[in-house]
């Protein structure tokens, strides 16, 4: 996730008088541990995963619902060709098409999240929604009998066993469970999953920021720490203050740390969204930010007959839409193509991409061209 101010919760944090939660409801365990695969939102197509089965729900990292146990067995069969009972899948070759889903499939269109809630959770849900709407551009619309036809995909806040949610929009009705012990911080956290956030400690760079104390983890829950399942590349600095981060004693077998920050930072707050959480949501939904578009000529260059040249053009934020075109300007020829060109991209930093143009002159005379760009970008100011 991206971050600017680590450890500082956002405005409109937890309601006054909220009692701190030890978060036991978020770290439920089960001896029924199984293996399957999950579909990535951005960075990968399929990854292996271990999960616990609790009330027929496949729970990953304590509070992420991957689906029903039956659905996970079906996924395992599609990848391996057979399920746990040895039943062979009919078409194992379909895996490339059946699970290669793009990131937008898991995003809430226009950042609008329709929702329903059981009566007992309504006050808590409204508090958490107000916090999200005060700090991000995600908007929540209550789904009713009058508008339900327009909102086939929605979250349903229910009092099931523990606190849990799926990651991203799943399609149809998807549950956010806020059971016993789930308070304001847990509600904000679980909405974060539904919007598309994974746990902060699942980043690829966690090893340089925290130490996992394997000896202190409940033996049957080690799998909750040994996978790095993230949505896209790590963005920005590691956010110890993220509301999506485990606490120090998550899944502890002896009350001692299972996660220790290397520099002693505080982790596991459930007060409100951090600056890093907010920045991460903006990266997931960049189209919600105020946008500006512009076009122009970056440079003019000449390619010798039959030669190939490569030029650095410009660096742009990774989530902006950028189109480059190489347009021959001299000599004027009404005939076959004078240039063959392509755009190459490298990652300059965590947030910037470098664009290069490579052009090949297909004629026997020098060809001059313009490198033209069209950009759709978003500013840095939230308000």
Protein backbone atom coordinates (compact mmCIF):
# COMPACT_ATOMS: atom_id res chain seq x y z
CA UNK A 1 0.00 0.00 0.00
CA UNK A 2 1.01 3.56 -0.46
CA UNK A 3 1.49 5.77 2.56
CA UNK A 4 2.40 9.30 3.44
CA UNK A 5 1.96 9.48 7.20
CA UNK A 6 2.51 6.21 8.96
CA UNK A 7 0.58 5.40 12.09
CA UNK A 8 -1.89 8.27 11.99
CA UNK A 9 -5.54 7.27 11.61
CA UNK A 10 -7.76 9.30 9.32
CA UNK A 11 -10.29 11.90 10.33
CA UNK A 12 -13.62 10.77 11.75
CA UNK A 13 -12.10 7.74 13.42
CA UNK A 14 -13.81 5.38 15.85
CA UNK A 15 -16.79 6.79 17.77
CA UNK A 16 -16.11 8.17 21.23
CA UNK A 17 -16.38 5.58 23.95
CA UNK A 18 -15.53 2.68 21.66
CA UNK A 19 -13.85 -0.03 23.68
CA UNK A 20 -10.62 -1.46 22.22
CA UNK A 21 -10.96 -4.91 20.74
CA UNK A 22 -8.48 -7.73 21.17
CA UNK A 23 -9.60 -8.88 17.71
CA UNK A 24 -10.08 -12.54 18.63
CA UNK A 25 -13.13 -12.57 16.36
CA UNK A 26 -10.84 -11.83 13.41
CA UNK A 27 -8.43 -14.70 14.05
CA UNK A 28 -10.60 -17.76 14.17
CA UNK A 29 -8.99 -21.18 13.85
CA UNK A 30 -9.93 -24.61 12.63
CA UNK A 31 -8.20 -27.98 12.49
CA UNK A 32 -9.69 -28.51 9.03
CA UNK A 33 -6.89 -27.00 6.94
CA UNK A 34 -7.00 -27.55 3.17
CA UNK A 35 -5.18 -26.51 0.02
CA UNK A 36 -6.50 -24.95 -3.16
CA UNK A 37 -5.85 -21.98 -5.46
CA UNK A 38 -7.10 -18.42 -5.76
CA UNK A 39 -7.45 -15.99 -8.62
CA UNK A 40 -5.47 -12.76 -8.33
CA UNK A 41 -7.02 -9.35 -8.89
CA UNK A 42 -4.06 -7.73 -10.66
CA UNK A 43 -0.66 -9.25 -10.14
CA UNK A 44 -1.22 -12.94 -10.78
CA UNK A 45 -3.63 -15.38 -12.40
CA UNK A 46 -3.50 -18.23 -9.88
CA UNK A 47 -1.67 -18.87 -6.62
CA UNK A 48 -1.74 -21.85 -4.25
CA UNK A 49 -3.29 -21.15 -0.87
CA UNK A 50 -3.94 -22.96 2.42
CA UNK A 51 -7.09 -22.11 4.32
CA UNK A 52 -9.22 -23.18 7.26
CA UNK A 53 -12.77 -24.42 6.81
CA UNK A 54 -15.12 -22.84 9.35
CA UNK A 55 -18.86 -23.42 9.00
CA UNK A 56 -18.28 -24.49 5.37
CA UNK A 57 -16.55 -21.18 4.54
CA UNK A 58 -12.92 -21.19 3.36
CA UNK A 59 -11.22 -18.65 5.65
CA UNK A 60 -7.75 -17.30 4.80
CA UNK A 61 -5.60 -15.24 7.18
CA UNK A 62 -8.32 -15.36 9.83
CA UNK A 63 -10.97 -13.13 8.24
CA UNK A 64 -10.78 -13.33 4.42
CA UNK A 65 -13.53 -15.47 2.90
CA UNK A 66 -12.27 -17.18 -0.25
CA UNK A 67 -15.63 -18.85 -0.93
CA UNK A 68 -17.36 -21.98 0.22
CA UNK A 69 -15.38 -25.15 0.86
CA UNK A 70 -17.13 -26.70 -2.14
CA UNK A 71 -16.08 -23.83 -4.43
CA UNK A 72 -12.46 -24.13 -3.30
CA UNK A 73 -12.49 -27.87 -3.95
CA UNK A 74 -13.83 -27.17 -7.43
CA UNK A 75 -10.98 -24.72 -8.05
CA UNK A 76 -8.48 -27.28 -6.84
CA UNK A 77 -9.95 -29.81 -9.25
CA UNK A 78 -9.68 -27.38 -12.16
CA UNK A 79 -5.99 -26.77 -11.48
CA UNK A 80 -4.88 -30.27 -10.53
CA UNK A 81 -7.46 -32.25 -12.48
CA UNK A 82 -8.97 -33.96 -9.43
CA UNK A 83 -10.52 -33.06 -6.09
CA UNK A 84 -9.68 -34.32 -2.59
CA UNK A 85 -11.65 -37.51 -3.25
CA UNK A 86 -9.85 -38.26 -6.50
CA UNK A 87 -12.67 -37.22 -8.84
CA UNK A 88 -11.10 -36.11 -12.11
CA UNK A 89 -12.13 -32.75 -13.53
CA UNK A 90 -13.63 -32.99 -16.99
CA UNK A 91 -11.67 -30.23 -18.70
CA UNK A 92 -8.38 -29.41 -17.02
CA UNK A 93 -7.27 -27.45 -20.08
CA UNK A 94 -9.79 -24.70 -19.40
CA UNK A 95 -7.75 -23.17 -16.62
CA UNK A 96 -6.21 -20.39 -18.72
CA UNK A 97 -9.62 -19.14 -19.80
CA UNK A 98 -11.73 -20.01 -16.78
CA UNK A 99 -9.73 -18.13 -14.13
CA UNK A 100 -7.77 -15.44 -15.97
CA UNK A 101 -10.02 -12.61 -14.72
CA UNK A 102 -8.92 -8.98 -15.05
CA UNK A 103 -8.68 -6.54 -12.16
CA UNK A 104 -11.76 -4.51 -13.09
CA UNK A 105 -13.87 -7.62 -12.55
CA UNK A 106 -13.21 -7.21 -8.81
CA UNK A 107 -13.70 -3.45 -8.63
CA UNK A 108 -16.99 -1.82 -7.66
CA UNK A 109 -18.11 0.13 -10.76
CA UNK A 110 -17.69 3.88 -10.26
CA UNK A 111 -16.63 3.16 -6.67
CA UNK A 112 -20.25 2.59 -5.60
CA UNK A 113 -20.87 -0.21 -3.10
CA UNK A 114 -24.54 -1.18 -2.67
CA UNK A 115 -25.30 -2.64 0.75
CA UNK A 116 -27.92 -4.16 3.02
CA UNK A 117 -27.75 -4.86 6.73
CA UNK A 118 -29.56 -6.80 9.39
CA UNK A 119 -31.29 -4.43 11.82
CA UNK A 120 -28.99 -5.26 14.73
CA UNK A 121 -25.91 -4.03 12.83
CA UNK A 122 -27.38 -0.95 11.22
CA UNK A 123 -25.92 1.65 13.61
CA UNK A 124 -22.45 0.09 13.48
CA UNK A 125 -22.57 -0.22 9.70
CA UNK A 126 -23.61 3.40 9.24
CA UNK A 127 -20.73 4.55 11.46
CA UNK A 128 -18.22 2.56 9.42
CA UNK A 129 -19.71 3.75 6.12
CA UNK A 130 -19.56 7.37 7.27
CA UNK A 131 -15.87 6.91 8.06
CA UNK A 132 -15.16 5.46 4.62
CA UNK A 133 -17.09 8.20 2.83
CA UNK A 134 -15.35 10.93 4.85
CA UNK A 135 -11.91 9.65 3.92
CA UNK A 136 -12.20 8.14 0.43
CA UNK A 137 -14.19 8.59 -2.76
CA UNK A 138 -15.87 5.21 -2.31
CA UNK A 139 -19.62 5.71 -1.93
CA UNK A 140 -22.21 3.39 -0.38
CA UNK A 141 -25.82 3.13 -1.53
CA UNK A 142 -28.35 1.22 0.54
CA UNK A 143 -30.01 -1.48 -1.57
CA UNK A 144 -33.78 -1.51 -1.22
CA UNK A 145 -36.75 -3.21 -2.85
CA UNK A 146 -37.19 -0.13 -5.01
CA UNK A 147 -33.64 -0.04 -6.43
CA UNK A 148 -32.45 -3.64 -6.18
CA UNK A 149 -32.83 -4.26 -9.92
CA UNK A 150 -30.11 -1.67 -10.52
CA UNK A 151 -27.75 -3.21 -7.95
CA UNK A 152 -27.40 -6.95 -8.61
CA UNK A 153 -23.99 -6.98 -6.86
CA UNK A 154 -23.96 -5.91 -3.22
CA UNK A 155 -22.57 -6.54 0.25
CA UNK A 156 -24.80 -7.90 2.96
CA UNK A 157 -23.79 -7.09 6.54
CA UNK A 158 -24.76 -10.07 8.68
CA UNK A 159 -24.11 -11.42 12.17
CA UNK A 160 -22.47 -14.70 11.33
CA UNK A 161 -19.58 -16.38 13.15
CA UNK A 162 -16.76 -13.85 13.59
CA UNK A 163 -15.56 -10.93 11.44
CA UNK A 164 -14.84 -11.75 7.81
CA UNK A 165 -15.26 -10.62 4.21
CA UNK A 166 -14.28 -11.48 0.66
CA UNK A 167 -11.68 -9.37 -1.15
CA UNK A 168 -13.09 -7.20 -3.94
CA UNK A 169 -16.47 -7.39 -5.64
CA UNK A 170 -17.45 -11.01 -6.10
CA UNK A 171 -20.78 -10.67 -7.88
CA UNK A 172 -24.29 -11.14 -6.52
CA UNK A 173 -24.73 -11.08 -2.74
CA UNK A 174 -21.51 -11.24 -0.75
CA UNK A 175 -21.46 -11.34 3.02
CA UNK A 176 -19.52 -9.13 5.39
CA UNK A 177 -19.88 -10.87 8.72
CA UNK A 178 -19.76 -8.76 11.88
CA UNK A 179 -20.43 -11.29 14.60
CA UNK A 180 -19.88 -11.12 18.35
CA UNK A 181 -16.84 -8.99 19.23
CA UNK A 182 -16.77 -7.12 15.91
CA UNK A 183 -16.78 -3.39 16.64
CA UNK A 184 -16.20 -0.20 14.63
CA UNK A 185 -12.57 -0.96 13.75
CA UNK A 186 -13.40 -4.44 12.55
CA UNK A 187 -16.27 -3.07 10.42
CA UNK A 188 -13.92 -0.57 8.75
CA UNK A 189 -11.34 -3.35 8.25
CA UNK A 190 -13.78 -5.79 6.67
CA UNK A 191 -15.15 -3.12 4.34
CA UNK A 192 -11.52 -2.61 3.31
CA UNK A 193 -11.38 -6.22 2.15
CA UNK A 194 -14.64 -5.87 0.23
CA UNK A 195 -13.29 -2.75 -1.50
CA UNK A 196 -10.21 -4.70 -2.59
CA UNK A 197 -7.50 -4.52 0.10
CA UNK A 198 -5.49 -7.50 1.36
CA UNK A 199 -3.71 -7.55 4.70
CA UNK A 200 -0.72 -5.21 4.94
CA UNK A 201 1.61 -7.88 6.29
CA UNK A 202 1.00 -9.92 3.11
CA UNK A 203 3.21 -7.52 1.14
CA UNK A 204 6.23 -8.96 -0.61
CA UNK A 205 8.54 -6.66 1.37
CA UNK A 206 7.35 -7.62 4.83
CA UNK A 207 10.62 -9.40 5.63
CA UNK A 208 12.50 -6.11 5.74
CA UNK A 209 9.92 -4.53 8.04
CA UNK A 210 8.65 -7.18 10.46
CA UNK A 211 9.87 -10.47 11.89
CA UNK A 212 7.54 -13.48 11.88
CA UNK A 213 8.07 -15.49 15.07
CA UNK A 214 7.15 -18.92 13.79
CA UNK A 215 7.66 -20.66 17.15
CA UNK A 216 4.87 -18.58 18.72
CA UNK A 217 2.24 -19.35 16.06
CA UNK A 218 -0.44 -21.98 16.66
CA UNK A 219 0.88 -25.03 14.73
CA UNK A 220 -2.24 -25.45 12.59
CA UNK A 221 -2.32 -21.75 11.70
CA UNK A 222 1.20 -21.31 10.32
CA UNK A 223 -0.30 -21.16 6.81
CA UNK A 224 -1.76 -17.75 7.62
CA UNK A 225 1.77 -16.31 7.61
CA UNK A 226 3.58 -18.15 4.84
CA UNK A 227 1.88 -16.72 1.74
CA UNK A 228 2.27 -13.34 0.11
CA UNK A 229 -1.06 -12.77 -1.64
CA UNK A 230 -1.22 -9.17 -2.84
CA UNK A 231 -3.24 -7.20 -5.35
CA UNK A 232 -0.63 -5.81 -7.71
CA UNK A 233 2.79 -4.53 -6.79
CA UNK A 234 3.57 -3.14 -3.35
CA UNK A 235 2.91 0.59 -3.51
CA UNK A 236 4.71 3.07 -1.32
CA UNK A 237 6.34 2.38 2.03
CA UNK A 238 5.27 -0.42 4.35
CA UNK A 239 2.36 0.94 6.42
CA UNK A 240 2.70 -0.18 10.03
CA UNK A 241 -0.28 2.04 10.87
CA UNK A 242 -2.63 0.38 8.40
CA UNK A 243 -5.98 -0.77 9.73
CA UNK A 244 -5.42 -3.80 7.48
CA UNK A 245 -2.33 -4.95 9.45
CA UNK A 246 -2.34 -7.90 11.89
CA UNK A 247 -1.64 -7.14 15.52
CA UNK A 248 1.46 -8.44 17.28
CA UNK A 249 -0.17 -11.56 18.76
CA UNK A 250 -2.35 -12.74 15.86
CA UNK A 251 -2.76 -16.54 16.05
CA UNK A 252 -0.37 -16.71 19.01
CA UNK A 253 -0.09 -20.03 20.82
CA UNK A 254 1.44 -18.54 23.98
CA UNK A 255 0.43 -14.87 24.13
CA UNK A 256 3.80 -13.76 22.78
CA UNK A 257 4.45 -11.86 19.56
CA UNK A 258 3.86 -13.64 16.29
CA UNK A 259 4.76 -10.45 14.40
CA UNK A 260 7.42 -8.06 15.68
CA UNK A 261 8.14 -4.80 13.85
CA UNK A 262 11.90 -4.49 13.35
CA UNK A 263 11.98 -0.91 14.66
CA UNK A 264 9.36 -1.35 17.37
CA UNK A 265 6.49 0.35 15.54
CA UNK A 266 2.89 -0.06 16.70
CA UNK A 267 0.83 -2.38 14.51
CA UNK A 268 -2.73 -3.67 14.45
CA UNK A 269 -4.64 -0.45 15.18
CA UNK A 270 -8.40 -0.60 14.63
CA UNK A 271 -9.13 3.10 15.10
CA UNK A 272 -9.58 4.09 11.47
CA UNK A 273 -8.12 4.19 7.98
CA UNK A 274 -4.49 5.32 7.87
CA UNK A 275 -3.08 7.71 5.29
CA UNK A 276 -1.57 4.65 3.60
CA UNK A 277 -4.93 2.85 3.48
CA UNK A 278 -6.52 5.89 1.85
CA UNK A 279 -3.71 6.15 -0.71
CA UNK A 280 -4.03 2.44 -1.51
CA UNK A 281 -7.77 2.82 -2.21
CA UNK A 282 -7.03 5.76 -4.48
CA UNK A 283 -4.56 3.54 -6.38
CA UNK A 284 -7.22 0.83 -6.75
CA UNK A 285 -9.83 3.32 -7.98
CA UNK A 286 -7.84 6.06 -9.77
CA UNK A 287 -10.78 6.88 -12.04
CA UNK A 288 -12.58 8.42 -9.05
CA UNK A 289 -9.97 11.17 -8.70
CA UNK A 290 -10.26 14.53 -10.51
CA UNK A 291 -8.63 14.05 -13.92
CA UNK A 292 -6.81 16.19 -16.45
CA UNK A 293 -5.93 15.29 -20.03
CA UNK A 294 -3.36 16.86 -22.30
CA UNK A 295 -1.40 16.10 -25.46
CA UNK A 296 1.73 17.35 -27.15
CA UNK A 297 5.04 16.59 -28.86
CA UNK A 298 7.78 15.36 -26.55
CA UNK A 299 10.63 15.51 -29.10
CA UNK A 300 11.60 15.29 -32.77
CA UNK A 301 14.21 12.80 -33.99
CA UNK A 302 15.70 11.52 -37.25
CA UNK A 303 16.44 7.87 -38.02
CA UNK A 304 19.08 6.96 -40.60
CA UNK A 305 18.14 4.70 -43.54
CA UNK A 306 17.57 1.13 -42.35
CA UNK A 307 18.61 2.02 -38.79
CA UNK A 308 16.80 1.53 -35.46
CA UNK A 309 16.87 4.05 -32.66
CA UNK A 310 15.57 4.08 -29.10
CA UNK A 311 14.68 7.18 -27.08
CA UNK A 312 13.57 7.81 -23.52
CA UNK A 313 10.39 9.92 -23.61
CA UNK A 314 9.07 10.69 -20.13
CA UNK A 315 8.12 9.18 -16.76
CA UNK A 316 4.49 9.12 -15.63
CA UNK A 317 2.60 7.84 -12.55
CA UNK A 318 1.93 4.14 -12.96
CA UNK A 319 -1.88 4.44 -12.83
CA UNK A 320 -2.21 7.15 -15.50
CA UNK A 321 -3.31 6.36 -19.05
CA UNK A 322 -0.52 7.25 -21.49
CA UNK A 323 -0.50 6.80 -25.29
CA UNK A 324 2.60 7.44 -27.41
CA UNK A 325 2.66 7.72 -31.21
CA UNK A 326 5.60 8.09 -33.61
CA UNK A 327 4.46 10.26 -36.55
CA UNK A 328 6.75 10.67 -39.61
CA UNK A 329 7.07 14.34 -40.62
CA UNK A 330 9.79 14.25 -43.31
CA UNK A 331 10.21 13.45 -46.08
CA UNK A 332 6.56 13.60 -47.21
CA UNK A 333 5.84 10.26 -48.89
CA UNK A 334 2.46 8.88 -49.95
CA UNK A 335 3.36 5.21 -49.98
CA UNK A 336 4.49 2.32 -47.76
CA UNK A 337 5.14 2.84 -44.06
CA UNK A 338 8.34 4.74 -43.35
CA UNK A 339 8.67 3.65 -39.72
CA UNK A 340 8.05 0.58 -37.60
CA UNK A 341 7.83 1.65 -33.95
CA UNK A 342 6.91 0.33 -30.53
CA UNK A 343 6.66 1.60 -26.97
CA UNK A 344 8.66 -0.03 -24.19
CA UNK A 345 7.97 0.50 -20.48
CA UNK A 346 10.08 -0.06 -17.39
CA UNK A 347 9.33 0.64 -13.73
CA UNK A 348 11.43 3.56 -12.56
CA UNK A 349 10.21 3.47 -8.96
CA UNK A 350 7.29 2.24 -6.88
CA UNK A 351 4.97 4.84 -8.41
CA UNK A 352 6.56 5.84 -11.75
CA UNK A 353 6.84 4.17 -15.16
CA UNK A 354 9.46 5.11 -17.78
CA UNK A 355 8.36 5.14 -21.42
CA UNK A 356 10.69 4.55 -24.37
CA UNK A 357 10.02 4.69 -28.11
CA UNK A 358 11.93 2.40 -30.47
CA UNK A 359 11.67 3.28 -34.17
CA UNK A 360 13.03 1.46 -37.22
CA UNK A 361 13.45 3.27 -40.55
CA UNK A 362 12.16 0.96 -43.29
CA UNK A 363 13.27 3.22 -46.17
CA UNK A 364 16.57 4.11 -47.86
CA UNK A 365 16.44 7.77 -46.85
CA UNK A 366 16.55 9.50 -43.44
CA UNK A 367 13.13 9.80 -41.77
CA UNK A 368 12.24 12.46 -39.21
CA UNK A 369 9.39 11.86 -36.77
CA UNK A 370 7.60 13.44 -33.82
CA UNK A 371 7.03 11.57 -30.56
CA UNK A 372 3.49 12.60 -29.63
CA UNK A 373 1.73 11.82 -26.36
CA UNK A 374 -1.81 11.80 -25.00
CA UNK A 375 -2.19 11.56 -21.23
CA UNK A 376 -5.12 11.17 -18.85
CA UNK A 377 -3.93 11.77 -15.31
CA UNK A 378 -5.15 12.38 -11.80
CA UNK A 379 -4.01 15.02 -9.33
CA UNK A 380 -2.63 14.28 -5.87
CA UNK A 381 -5.13 16.29 -3.85
CA UNK A 382 -8.04 14.30 -2.43
CA UNK A 383 -10.20 17.34 -1.77
